[in-house]
């Protein structure tokens, strides 16, 4: 009986004990996280900068009226602004991860004592996007003695390093618990460097300065993905190489950028795909391969087509035609340019360029398509003489080309509209027998049937 009473009392006490443990552990966690506060960081940074502080203040005082010095100090303040967001985010990560662990351990008290931050904080990619344009200009520096200028740069670099070191130290606990937290810490760490080193200037030398654990394959893969997500394809390529212990030549870089561009296109991330295609073009040009550069340009143009921008397609191909005159794909690019000029309703541009392409030997393979686009443009613009001239040349030179079916059909419709039903039937029969698999064959047969039954000419003057 006494044992049963003891167990009953123990059961009543146990939830309270768990709650007490939860409160104690949560208080400890909040103490740890409080150290990651912005005020604590600023004090930490002052300690890092202290050895340079006296000389820095002396320079500031001497250059108090110098506009470049004021801009330099504004840039330092901007670093603090970025640092505050980075510190807030790592604190948010710590609270989320450590609080989640407590939830798992003490299920009975979940929700009762959870003081985790409910405030939304920007992620690393958002912080980078918010500030990248503000860091685009070179670091402003006053016109002073070289030794003082060196000290200013040391002070500035030390301020950046202080942020990175602080982030790394105060993200240790969370990254040790959860993979998602590790990703956050790794991404936050590189934001400052990304803001100061342009994409094309990023190299393995920057990665060599990372903490040793961040130079491992897993972390390099995280940084590769992050770099791509913020529109830094060249940086991503450096992380990809470093993580694999490789050093790529331009051809390998070209393949990497092309693969990433296709991947982003397939997932609808067109902006990132465009950046990767442009990086691939640079790699091809660096390699000195016009063929590769032209092919990538055409792929980029097709992406713009997919996005619904025919004018952009046409201008991209115009650039390619100018840059790669010796490419075997030149004729294809010329034909595609005319096609998308037509879609963009730039008819006068077509008429200016088409005749030149018709006599250009590089366009020989695509001459039927070029002639057809010219013909249909003359037709649309009511330039009947030139339309007839191109039509005659086309049908004489390419009588069995699939596009000839459209020309014969258009001529049949003109005869039909003019009341010459016999000629219309003759032309329709040409289409039927020469091009039995044409996309317009069903329409051809329907009109033939109406003609045979005498239905056309009795209130149905034109084929629908």
Protein backbone atom coordinates (compact mmCIF):
# COMPACT_ATOMS: atom_id res chain seq x y z
CA UNK A 1 0.00 0.00 0.00
CA UNK A 2 2.82 2.38 0.97
CA UNK A 3 4.69 1.50 -2.27
CA UNK A 4 1.60 2.33 -4.33
CA UNK A 5 1.24 5.68 -2.57
CA UNK A 6 4.93 6.48 -3.24
CA UNK A 7 4.55 5.70 -6.96
CA UNK A 8 1.47 7.92 -7.10
CA UNK A 9 3.31 10.81 -5.48
CA UNK A 10 6.30 10.24 -7.77
CA UNK A 11 4.05 10.42 -10.82
CA UNK A 12 2.65 13.74 -9.63
CA UNK A 13 6.11 15.19 -8.99
CA UNK A 14 7.75 13.96 -12.26
CA UNK A 15 6.11 16.50 -14.65
CA UNK A 16 7.12 19.31 -12.33
CA UNK A 17 10.69 18.03 -12.26
CA UNK A 18 10.75 17.86 -16.07
CA UNK A 19 9.40 21.39 -16.25
CA UNK A 20 12.04 22.60 -13.84
CA UNK A 21 14.78 20.91 -15.88
CA UNK A 22 13.32 22.49 -19.03
CA UNK A 23 13.41 25.95 -17.47
CA UNK A 24 16.98 25.52 -16.24
CA UNK A 25 18.23 24.20 -19.58
CA UNK A 26 16.37 26.90 -21.49
CA UNK A 27 17.90 29.57 -19.26
CA UNK A 28 21.34 28.16 -19.97
CA UNK A 29 20.62 28.14 -23.70
CA UNK A 30 19.42 31.72 -23.58
CA UNK A 31 22.57 32.70 -21.72
CA UNK A 32 24.65 31.16 -24.51
CA UNK A 33 22.58 32.79 -27.22
CA UNK A 34 22.57 36.15 -25.46
CA UNK A 35 26.31 36.20 -26.02
CA UNK A 36 25.51 36.25 -29.70
CA UNK A 37 23.69 39.55 -29.37
CA UNK A 38 24.64 42.55 -31.42
CA UNK A 39 25.88 44.55 -28.44
CA UNK A 40 28.18 41.72 -27.45
CA UNK A 41 29.47 41.51 -31.00
CA UNK A 42 30.25 45.22 -31.14
CA UNK A 43 32.21 44.92 -27.90
CA UNK A 44 34.02 41.90 -29.35
CA UNK A 45 34.86 43.83 -32.50
CA UNK A 46 36.20 46.78 -30.53
CA UNK A 47 38.56 44.40 -28.79
CA UNK A 48 39.77 43.04 -32.13
CA UNK A 49 40.30 46.55 -33.51
CA UNK A 50 41.85 48.00 -30.36
CA UNK A 51 45.50 47.58 -31.48
CA UNK A 52 44.74 49.76 -34.51
CA UNK A 53 42.32 52.08 -32.76
CA UNK A 54 44.61 54.88 -31.66
CA UNK A 55 46.22 55.36 -35.04
CA UNK A 56 42.86 55.04 -36.78
CA UNK A 57 41.34 57.81 -34.64
CA UNK A 58 44.35 60.00 -35.34
CA UNK A 59 43.84 59.63 -39.11
CA UNK A 60 40.10 60.29 -38.78
CA UNK A 61 40.76 63.47 -36.80
CA UNK A 62 43.36 64.70 -39.29
CA UNK A 63 41.04 64.01 -42.23
CA UNK A 64 37.81 65.18 -40.57
CA UNK A 65 36.90 67.44 -43.51
CA UNK A 66 37.93 64.98 -46.24
CA UNK A 67 34.92 63.68 -48.20
CA UNK A 68 36.65 60.41 -49.09
CA UNK A 69 37.37 59.79 -45.41
CA UNK A 70 33.71 60.35 -44.59
CA UNK A 71 32.74 57.83 -47.24
CA UNK A 72 35.27 55.38 -45.80
CA UNK A 73 33.65 55.71 -42.38
CA UNK A 74 30.22 55.27 -43.97
CA UNK A 75 31.44 52.02 -45.45
CA UNK A 76 32.58 50.88 -42.01
CA UNK A 77 29.10 51.69 -40.70
CA UNK A 78 27.66 49.66 -43.56
CA UNK A 79 29.75 46.68 -42.46
CA UNK A 80 28.21 47.00 -39.00
CA UNK A 81 24.76 47.09 -40.59
CA UNK A 82 25.46 43.84 -42.43
CA UNK A 83 27.06 42.32 -39.33
CA UNK A 84 23.96 43.07 -37.26
CA UNK A 85 21.77 41.11 -39.65
CA UNK A 86 24.25 38.23 -39.78
CA UNK A 87 24.45 38.08 -35.99
CA UNK A 88 20.66 38.27 -35.66
CA UNK A 89 20.36 35.36 -38.07
CA UNK A 90 22.86 33.15 -36.30
CA UNK A 91 21.13 33.92 -32.99
CA UNK A 92 17.81 32.99 -34.56
CA UNK A 93 19.35 29.73 -35.79
CA UNK A 94 20.74 28.91 -32.34
CA UNK A 95 17.41 29.56 -30.66
CA UNK A 96 15.50 27.51 -33.22
CA UNK A 97 17.81 24.51 -33.14
CA UNK A 98 18.46 24.43 -29.40
CA UNK A 99 14.80 25.07 -28.64
CA UNK A 100 13.87 22.21 -30.95
CA UNK A 101 16.16 19.89 -29.04
CA UNK A 102 14.45 20.85 -25.79
CA UNK A 103 11.06 20.17 -27.35
CA UNK A 104 12.22 16.68 -28.22
CA UNK A 105 13.63 16.01 -24.74
CA UNK A 106 10.81 17.49 -22.67
CA UNK A 107 7.66 16.80 -24.58
CA UNK A 108 5.46 17.33 -21.52
CA UNK A 109 6.34 21.01 -21.33
CA UNK A 110 6.35 21.89 -25.03
CA UNK A 111 4.99 25.32 -25.72
CA UNK A 112 4.92 26.25 -22.03
CA UNK A 113 8.33 27.85 -21.73
CA UNK A 114 9.44 28.24 -25.35
CA UNK A 115 10.96 31.71 -25.62
CA UNK A 116 12.47 31.21 -29.06
CA UNK A 117 12.41 34.20 -31.37
CA UNK A 118 9.21 34.43 -33.36
CA UNK A 119 10.62 37.37 -35.31
CA UNK A 120 11.50 36.70 -38.91
CA UNK A 121 15.14 37.36 -39.77
CA UNK A 122 16.58 37.48 -43.30
CA UNK A 123 18.58 34.49 -44.49
CA UNK A 124 22.10 34.74 -45.90
CA UNK A 125 20.91 34.98 -49.50
CA UNK A 126 18.53 37.82 -48.60
CA UNK A 127 21.22 39.75 -46.75
CA UNK A 128 23.57 39.39 -49.72
CA UNK A 129 20.88 40.55 -52.17
CA UNK A 130 20.01 43.51 -49.94
CA UNK A 131 23.57 44.86 -49.81
CA UNK A 132 25.42 43.76 -52.93
CA UNK A 133 24.68 46.95 -54.88
CA UNK A 134 25.80 49.10 -51.96
CA UNK A 135 29.19 47.40 -52.00
CA UNK A 136 29.63 47.57 -55.76
CA UNK A 137 31.85 50.66 -55.67
CA UNK A 138 35.50 50.41 -54.69
CA UNK A 139 36.44 51.14 -51.09
CA UNK A 140 36.73 54.95 -50.82
CA UNK A 141 40.06 56.11 -49.39
CA UNK A 142 41.47 59.59 -48.80
CA UNK A 143 44.61 60.91 -50.48
CA UNK A 144 47.03 60.36 -47.58
CA UNK A 145 50.44 58.87 -46.90
CA UNK A 146 50.88 55.25 -47.94
CA UNK A 147 51.52 54.03 -44.39
CA UNK A 148 48.26 55.64 -43.19
CA UNK A 149 46.41 54.24 -46.16
CA UNK A 150 47.76 50.79 -45.31
CA UNK A 151 46.49 51.16 -41.76
CA UNK A 152 43.00 52.11 -42.97
CA UNK A 153 42.88 49.00 -45.10
CA UNK A 154 44.11 46.85 -42.21
CA UNK A 155 41.42 48.34 -40.00
CA UNK A 156 38.75 47.71 -42.59
CA UNK A 157 39.84 44.10 -43.19
CA UNK A 158 40.03 43.48 -39.44
CA UNK A 159 36.41 44.66 -39.09
CA UNK A 160 35.35 42.12 -41.71
CA UNK A 161 37.41 39.34 -40.13
CA UNK A 162 35.91 40.09 -36.71
CA UNK A 163 32.41 39.49 -38.08
CA UNK A 164 33.38 36.20 -39.70
CA UNK A 165 35.23 34.94 -36.63
CA UNK A 166 32.37 35.87 -34.33
CA UNK A 167 29.84 34.12 -36.55
CA UNK A 168 31.92 30.98 -36.61
CA UNK A 169 32.38 30.88 -32.84
CA UNK A 170 28.73 31.50 -32.03
CA UNK A 171 27.38 29.11 -34.60
CA UNK A 172 29.33 26.13 -33.27
CA UNK A 173 26.64 24.78 -30.96
CA UNK A 174 23.83 24.87 -33.51
CA UNK A 175 25.87 23.49 -36.42
CA UNK A 176 26.95 20.57 -34.25
CA UNK A 177 23.32 19.61 -33.67
CA UNK A 178 21.58 20.01 -37.03
CA UNK A 179 22.62 19.87 -40.69
CA UNK A 180 20.27 22.75 -41.48
CA UNK A 181 22.04 24.90 -38.90
CA UNK A 182 25.43 23.96 -40.32
CA UNK A 183 24.26 25.10 -43.75
CA UNK A 184 23.06 28.40 -42.25
CA UNK A 185 26.35 29.06 -40.48
CA UNK A 186 28.42 28.23 -43.55
CA UNK A 187 26.33 30.51 -45.76
CA UNK A 188 26.37 33.37 -43.25
CA UNK A 189 30.14 33.12 -42.96
CA UNK A 190 30.78 33.91 -46.64
CA UNK A 191 28.37 36.83 -47.03
CA UNK A 192 30.97 39.46 -46.08
CA UNK A 193 33.52 38.00 -48.49
CA UNK A 194 30.95 37.78 -51.26
CA UNK A 195 30.07 41.45 -50.79
CA UNK A 196 33.71 42.47 -51.20
CA UNK A 197 35.04 40.08 -53.85
CA UNK A 198 33.28 40.11 -57.25
CA UNK A 199 32.14 36.82 -58.70
CA UNK A 200 34.77 36.70 -61.44
CA UNK A 201 37.58 37.51 -59.01
CA UNK A 202 36.81 34.72 -56.56
CA UNK A 203 39.53 32.08 -56.44
CA UNK A 204 40.86 29.16 -54.43
CA UNK A 205 43.05 31.60 -52.48
CA UNK A 206 39.94 32.90 -50.68
CA UNK A 207 38.89 29.35 -49.82
CA UNK A 208 42.36 28.57 -48.44
CA UNK A 209 41.74 31.18 -45.73
CA UNK A 210 38.56 29.44 -44.49
CA UNK A 211 38.52 27.42 -41.24
CA UNK A 212 39.76 23.90 -41.94
CA UNK A 213 36.37 22.22 -41.44
CA UNK A 214 34.82 24.55 -44.04
CA UNK A 215 37.32 23.45 -46.66
CA UNK A 216 35.96 19.91 -46.67
CA UNK A 217 33.90 18.47 -49.50
CA UNK A 218 30.52 18.68 -47.74
CA UNK A 219 30.88 22.37 -46.89
CA UNK A 220 32.26 23.18 -50.34
CA UNK A 221 29.16 21.59 -51.84
CA UNK A 222 26.96 23.76 -49.61
CA UNK A 223 28.86 26.86 -50.72
CA UNK A 224 28.65 25.83 -54.37
CA UNK A 225 24.86 25.66 -54.12
CA UNK A 226 24.71 28.92 -52.19
CA UNK A 227 26.88 30.70 -54.76
CA UNK A 228 24.62 29.58 -57.57
CA UNK A 229 21.51 30.65 -55.65
CA UNK A 230 22.81 34.22 -55.30
CA UNK A 231 23.93 34.47 -58.93
CA UNK A 232 27.67 33.80 -58.61
CA UNK A 233 28.41 31.03 -61.14
CA UNK A 234 32.18 31.61 -61.26
CA UNK A 235 32.38 31.40 -57.47
CA UNK A 236 30.31 28.22 -57.57
CA UNK A 237 32.74 26.68 -60.06
CA UNK A 238 35.64 27.43 -57.71
CA UNK A 239 33.89 25.69 -54.82
CA UNK A 240 33.01 22.73 -57.05
CA UNK A 241 36.65 22.32 -58.07
CA UNK A 242 38.01 22.82 -54.57
CA UNK A 243 35.60 20.28 -53.08
CA UNK A 244 36.73 17.67 -55.60
CA UNK A 245 40.40 18.56 -55.39
CA UNK A 246 40.45 19.48 -59.08
CA UNK A 247 41.62 22.37 -61.23
CA UNK A 248 39.52 22.84 -64.36
CA UNK A 249 40.47 24.19 -67.75
CA UNK A 250 38.06 26.50 -69.65
CA UNK A 251 36.50 23.51 -71.45
CA UNK A 252 35.55 21.89 -68.14
CA UNK A 253 34.20 25.20 -66.86
CA UNK A 254 32.14 25.51 -70.03
CA UNK A 255 30.58 22.09 -69.46
CA UNK A 256 29.89 22.92 -65.80
CA UNK A 257 28.15 26.22 -66.61
CA UNK A 258 26.17 24.65 -69.44
CA UNK A 259 24.95 21.81 -67.23
CA UNK A 260 23.90 24.22 -64.50
CA UNK A 261 22.13 26.44 -67.03
CA UNK A 262 20.12 23.49 -68.34
CA UNK A 263 19.31 22.42 -64.78
CA UNK A 264 18.00 25.87 -63.85
CA UNK A 265 16.04 26.08 -67.10
CA UNK A 266 14.30 22.78 -66.39
CA UNK A 267 13.28 23.98 -62.91
CA UNK A 268 12.07 27.39 -64.10
CA UNK A 269 14.89 29.38 -62.48
CA UNK A 270 15.47 31.39 -65.60
CA UNK A 271 17.45 34.26 -64.08
CA UNK A 272 20.05 31.84 -62.74
CA UNK A 273 20.05 29.93 -66.04
CA UNK A 274 20.82 33.16 -67.90
CA UNK A 275 23.77 33.88 -65.59
CA UNK A 276 25.14 30.38 -66.15
CA UNK A 277 24.74 30.60 -69.93
CA UNK A 278 26.59 33.93 -69.92
CA UNK A 279 29.34 32.37 -67.80
CA UNK A 280 29.55 29.51 -70.30
CA UNK A 281 29.94 32.01 -73.13
CA UNK A 282 32.83 33.67 -71.27
CA UNK A 283 34.47 30.28 -70.73
CA UNK A 284 34.11 29.44 -74.43
CA UNK A 285 35.57 32.78 -75.50
CA UNK A 286 38.41 32.33 -73.01
CA UNK A 287 39.08 28.96 -74.60
CA UNK A 288 39.02 30.55 -78.06
CA UNK A 289 36.28 28.28 -79.40
CA UNK A 290 33.80 30.14 -81.57
CA UNK A 291 31.79 26.97 -82.13
CA UNK A 292 31.09 26.49 -78.43
CA UNK A 293 30.41 30.18 -77.90
CA UNK A 294 27.92 30.25 -80.77
CA UNK A 295 26.13 27.12 -79.55
CA UNK A 296 25.76 28.56 -76.06
CA UNK A 297 24.53 31.87 -77.50
CA UNK A 298 21.84 29.97 -79.40
CA UNK A 299 20.88 28.09 -76.21
CA UNK A 300 20.60 31.41 -74.39
CA UNK A 301 18.43 32.75 -77.21
CA UNK A 302 16.13 29.73 -76.93
CA UNK A 303 15.81 30.39 -73.21
CA UNK A 304 14.67 33.94 -73.96
CA UNK A 305 12.19 32.40 -76.41
CA UNK A 306 10.90 30.17 -73.63
CA UNK A 307 10.47 33.24 -71.46
CA UNK A 308 8.47 34.95 -74.20
CA UNK A 309 10.92 37.67 -75.27
CA UNK A 310 11.34 37.42 -79.07
CA UNK A 311 13.06 40.82 -79.31
CA UNK A 312 15.65 39.70 -76.79
CA UNK A 313 16.12 36.47 -78.74
CA UNK A 314 16.75 38.46 -81.93
CA UNK A 315 19.21 40.86 -80.27
CA UNK A 316 21.10 37.97 -78.65
CA UNK A 317 21.48 36.29 -82.03
CA UNK A 318 22.58 39.57 -83.62
CA UNK A 319 25.37 39.76 -81.07
CA UNK A 320 26.38 36.17 -81.84
CA UNK A 321 26.44 36.85 -85.59
CA UNK A 322 28.77 39.77 -84.98
CA UNK A 323 31.06 38.00 -82.51
CA UNK A 324 31.48 34.60 -84.21
CA UNK A 325 31.60 35.12 -87.99
CA UNK A 326 33.56 31.90 -88.61
CA UNK A 327 31.24 29.58 -86.73
CA UNK A 328 29.66 26.73 -88.67
CA UNK A 329 26.44 27.62 -86.82
CA UNK A 330 26.41 31.14 -88.28
CA UNK A 331 23.75 30.35 -90.87
CA UNK A 332 21.52 28.75 -88.26
CA UNK A 333 21.83 31.84 -86.06
CA UNK A 334 20.95 34.09 -89.02
CA UNK A 335 17.87 32.04 -89.83
CA UNK A 336 16.74 32.04 -86.19
CA UNK A 337 17.24 35.79 -85.96
CA UNK A 338 14.86 36.30 -88.89
CA UNK A 339 12.36 33.93 -87.31
CA UNK A 340 12.28 35.83 -84.02
CA UNK A 341 12.29 39.20 -85.72
CA UNK A 342 9.08 38.01 -87.36
CA UNK A 343 7.63 36.98 -84.01
CA UNK A 344 8.62 40.38 -82.62
CA UNK A 345 6.90 42.01 -85.61
CA UNK A 346 10.13 43.71 -86.67
CA UNK A 347 9.25 43.28 -90.34
CA UNK A 348 11.40 46.08 -91.70
CA UNK A 349 14.46 44.59 -90.03
CA UNK A 350 13.73 41.30 -91.80
CA UNK A 351 13.53 43.00 -95.17
CA UNK A 352 16.84 44.79 -94.50
CA UNK A 353 18.71 41.61 -93.59
CA UNK A 354 17.10 38.76 -95.50
CA UNK A 355 18.56 39.54 -98.92
CA UNK A 356 22.09 39.58 -97.50
CA UNK A 357 21.59 36.19 -95.88
CA UNK A 358 20.18 34.75 -99.12
CA UNK A 359 23.49 35.27 -100.92
CA UNK A 360 25.76 34.46 -97.97
CA UNK A 361 27.43 31.07 -98.42
CA UNK A 362 27.34 30.50 -94.65
CA UNK A 363 23.53 30.37 -94.87
CA UNK A 364 23.35 27.77 -97.64
CA UNK A 365 21.97 25.00 -95.40
CA UNK A 366 19.21 27.27 -94.10
CA UNK A 367 18.37 29.03 -97.35
CA UNK A 368 14.86 27.47 -97.64
CA UNK A 369 13.87 28.78 -94.20
CA UNK A 370 15.41 32.21 -94.89
CA UNK A 371 13.57 32.47 -98.22
CA UNK A 372 10.32 31.39 -96.60
CA UNK A 373 10.57 34.03 -93.84
CA UNK A 374 11.35 36.67 -96.47
CA UNK A 375 8.42 35.49 -98.61
CA UNK A 376 5.92 35.54 -95.76
CA UNK A 377 7.16 38.98 -94.67
CA UNK A 378 6.77 40.43 -98.18
CA UNK A 379 3.32 38.88 -98.26
CA UNK A 380 2.35 40.44 -94.93
CA UNK A 381 3.70 43.83 -95.95
CA UNK A 382 1.77 43.68 -99.28
CA UNK A 383 4.93 43.85 -101.35
CA UNK A 384 3.46 41.64 -104.06
CA UNK A 385 6.22 41.99 -106.61
CA UNK A 386 8.93 40.86 -104.19
CA UNK A 387 6.63 38.19 -102.80
CA UNK A 388 6.14 36.73 -106.27
CA UNK A 389 9.84 36.92 -107.02
CA UNK A 390 10.86 35.05 -103.88
CA UNK A 391 8.05 32.55 -104.33
CA UNK A 392 9.11 31.72 -107.87
CA UNK A 393 12.74 31.32 -106.82
CA UNK A 394 11.79 29.12 -103.86
CA UNK A 395 9.53 26.74 -105.81
CA UNK A 396 12.08 26.42 -108.57
CA UNK A 397 15.01 25.71 -106.27
CA UNK A 398 13.25 23.75 -103.50
CA UNK A 399 10.08 22.24 -105.03
CA UNK A 400 9.91 19.35 -102.57
CA UNK A 401 10.92 21.19 -99.40
CA UNK A 402 8.19 20.91 -96.68
CA UNK A 403 7.86 24.71 -96.57
CA UNK A 404 6.88 24.67 -100.25
CA UNK A 405 3.56 23.16 -99.14
CA UNK A 406 2.70 26.41 -97.34
CA UNK A 407 3.57 28.45 -100.42
CA UNK A 408 1.47 26.27 -102.73
CA UNK A 409 -1.39 26.42 -100.24
CA UNK A 410 -1.18 30.23 -100.01
CA UNK A 411 -1.28 30.42 -103.82
CA UNK A 412 -4.31 28.14 -103.83
CA UNK A 413 -6.09 30.46 -101.40
CA UNK A 414 -5.37 33.43 -103.65
CA UNK A 415 -6.84 31.56 -106.65
CA UNK A 416 -9.82 30.61 -104.54
CA UNK A 417 -10.40 34.21 -103.49
CA UNK A 418 -10.14 35.28 -107.14
CA UNK A 419 -12.74 32.73 -108.21
CA UNK A 420 -10.28 30.52 -110.13
CA UNK A 421 -11.44 27.26 -108.57
CA UNK A 422 -9.72 25.03 -111.13
CA UNK A 423 -6.33 26.56 -110.37
CA UNK A 424 -7.04 26.37 -106.66
CA UNK A 425 -7.85 22.65 -106.99
CA UNK A 426 -4.69 22.05 -109.03
CA UNK A 427 -2.49 23.67 -106.40
CA UNK A 428 -4.21 21.81 -103.59
CA UNK A 429 -3.57 18.55 -105.42
CA UNK A 430 0.12 19.45 -105.65
CA UNK A 431 0.16 19.76 -101.87
CA UNK A 432 -1.80 16.53 -101.44
CA UNK A 433 0.50 14.39 -103.59
CA UNK A 434 3.89 15.98 -102.91
CA UNK A 435 3.42 16.63 -99.21
CA UNK A 436 1.07 13.96 -97.83
CA UNK A 437 2.45 14.41 -94.30
CA UNK A 438 2.29 18.20 -94.25
CA UNK A 439 0.81 19.82 -91.13
CA UNK A 440 -1.82 21.47 -93.36
CA UNK A 441 -2.93 18.30 -95.16
CA UNK A 442 -6.24 18.04 -93.23
CA UNK A 443 -7.16 21.59 -94.19
CA UNK A 444 -6.21 20.86 -97.81
CA UNK A 445 -8.52 17.84 -97.96
CA UNK A 446 -11.37 19.72 -96.35
CA UNK A 447 -11.20 22.49 -98.95
CA UNK A 448 -10.91 19.96 -101.78
CA UNK A 449 -14.04 18.25 -100.54
CA UNK A 450 -15.93 21.54 -100.50
CA UNK A 451 -14.77 22.33 -104.02
CA UNK A 452 -15.89 18.92 -105.30
CA UNK A 453 -19.32 19.37 -103.74
CA UNK A 454 -19.63 22.89 -105.09
CA UNK A 455 -19.94 24.33 -101.60
CA UNK A 456 -17.35 27.03 -102.25
CA UNK A 457 -18.59 29.87 -104.40
CA UNK A 458 -22.08 29.65 -102.88
CA UNK A 459 -21.64 31.95 -99.89
CA UNK A 460 -18.28 30.58 -98.79
CA UNK A 461 -15.83 32.55 -100.88
CA UNK A 462 -12.81 31.92 -98.69
CA UNK A 463 -11.67 28.77 -96.95
CA UNK A 464 -11.91 28.90 -93.23
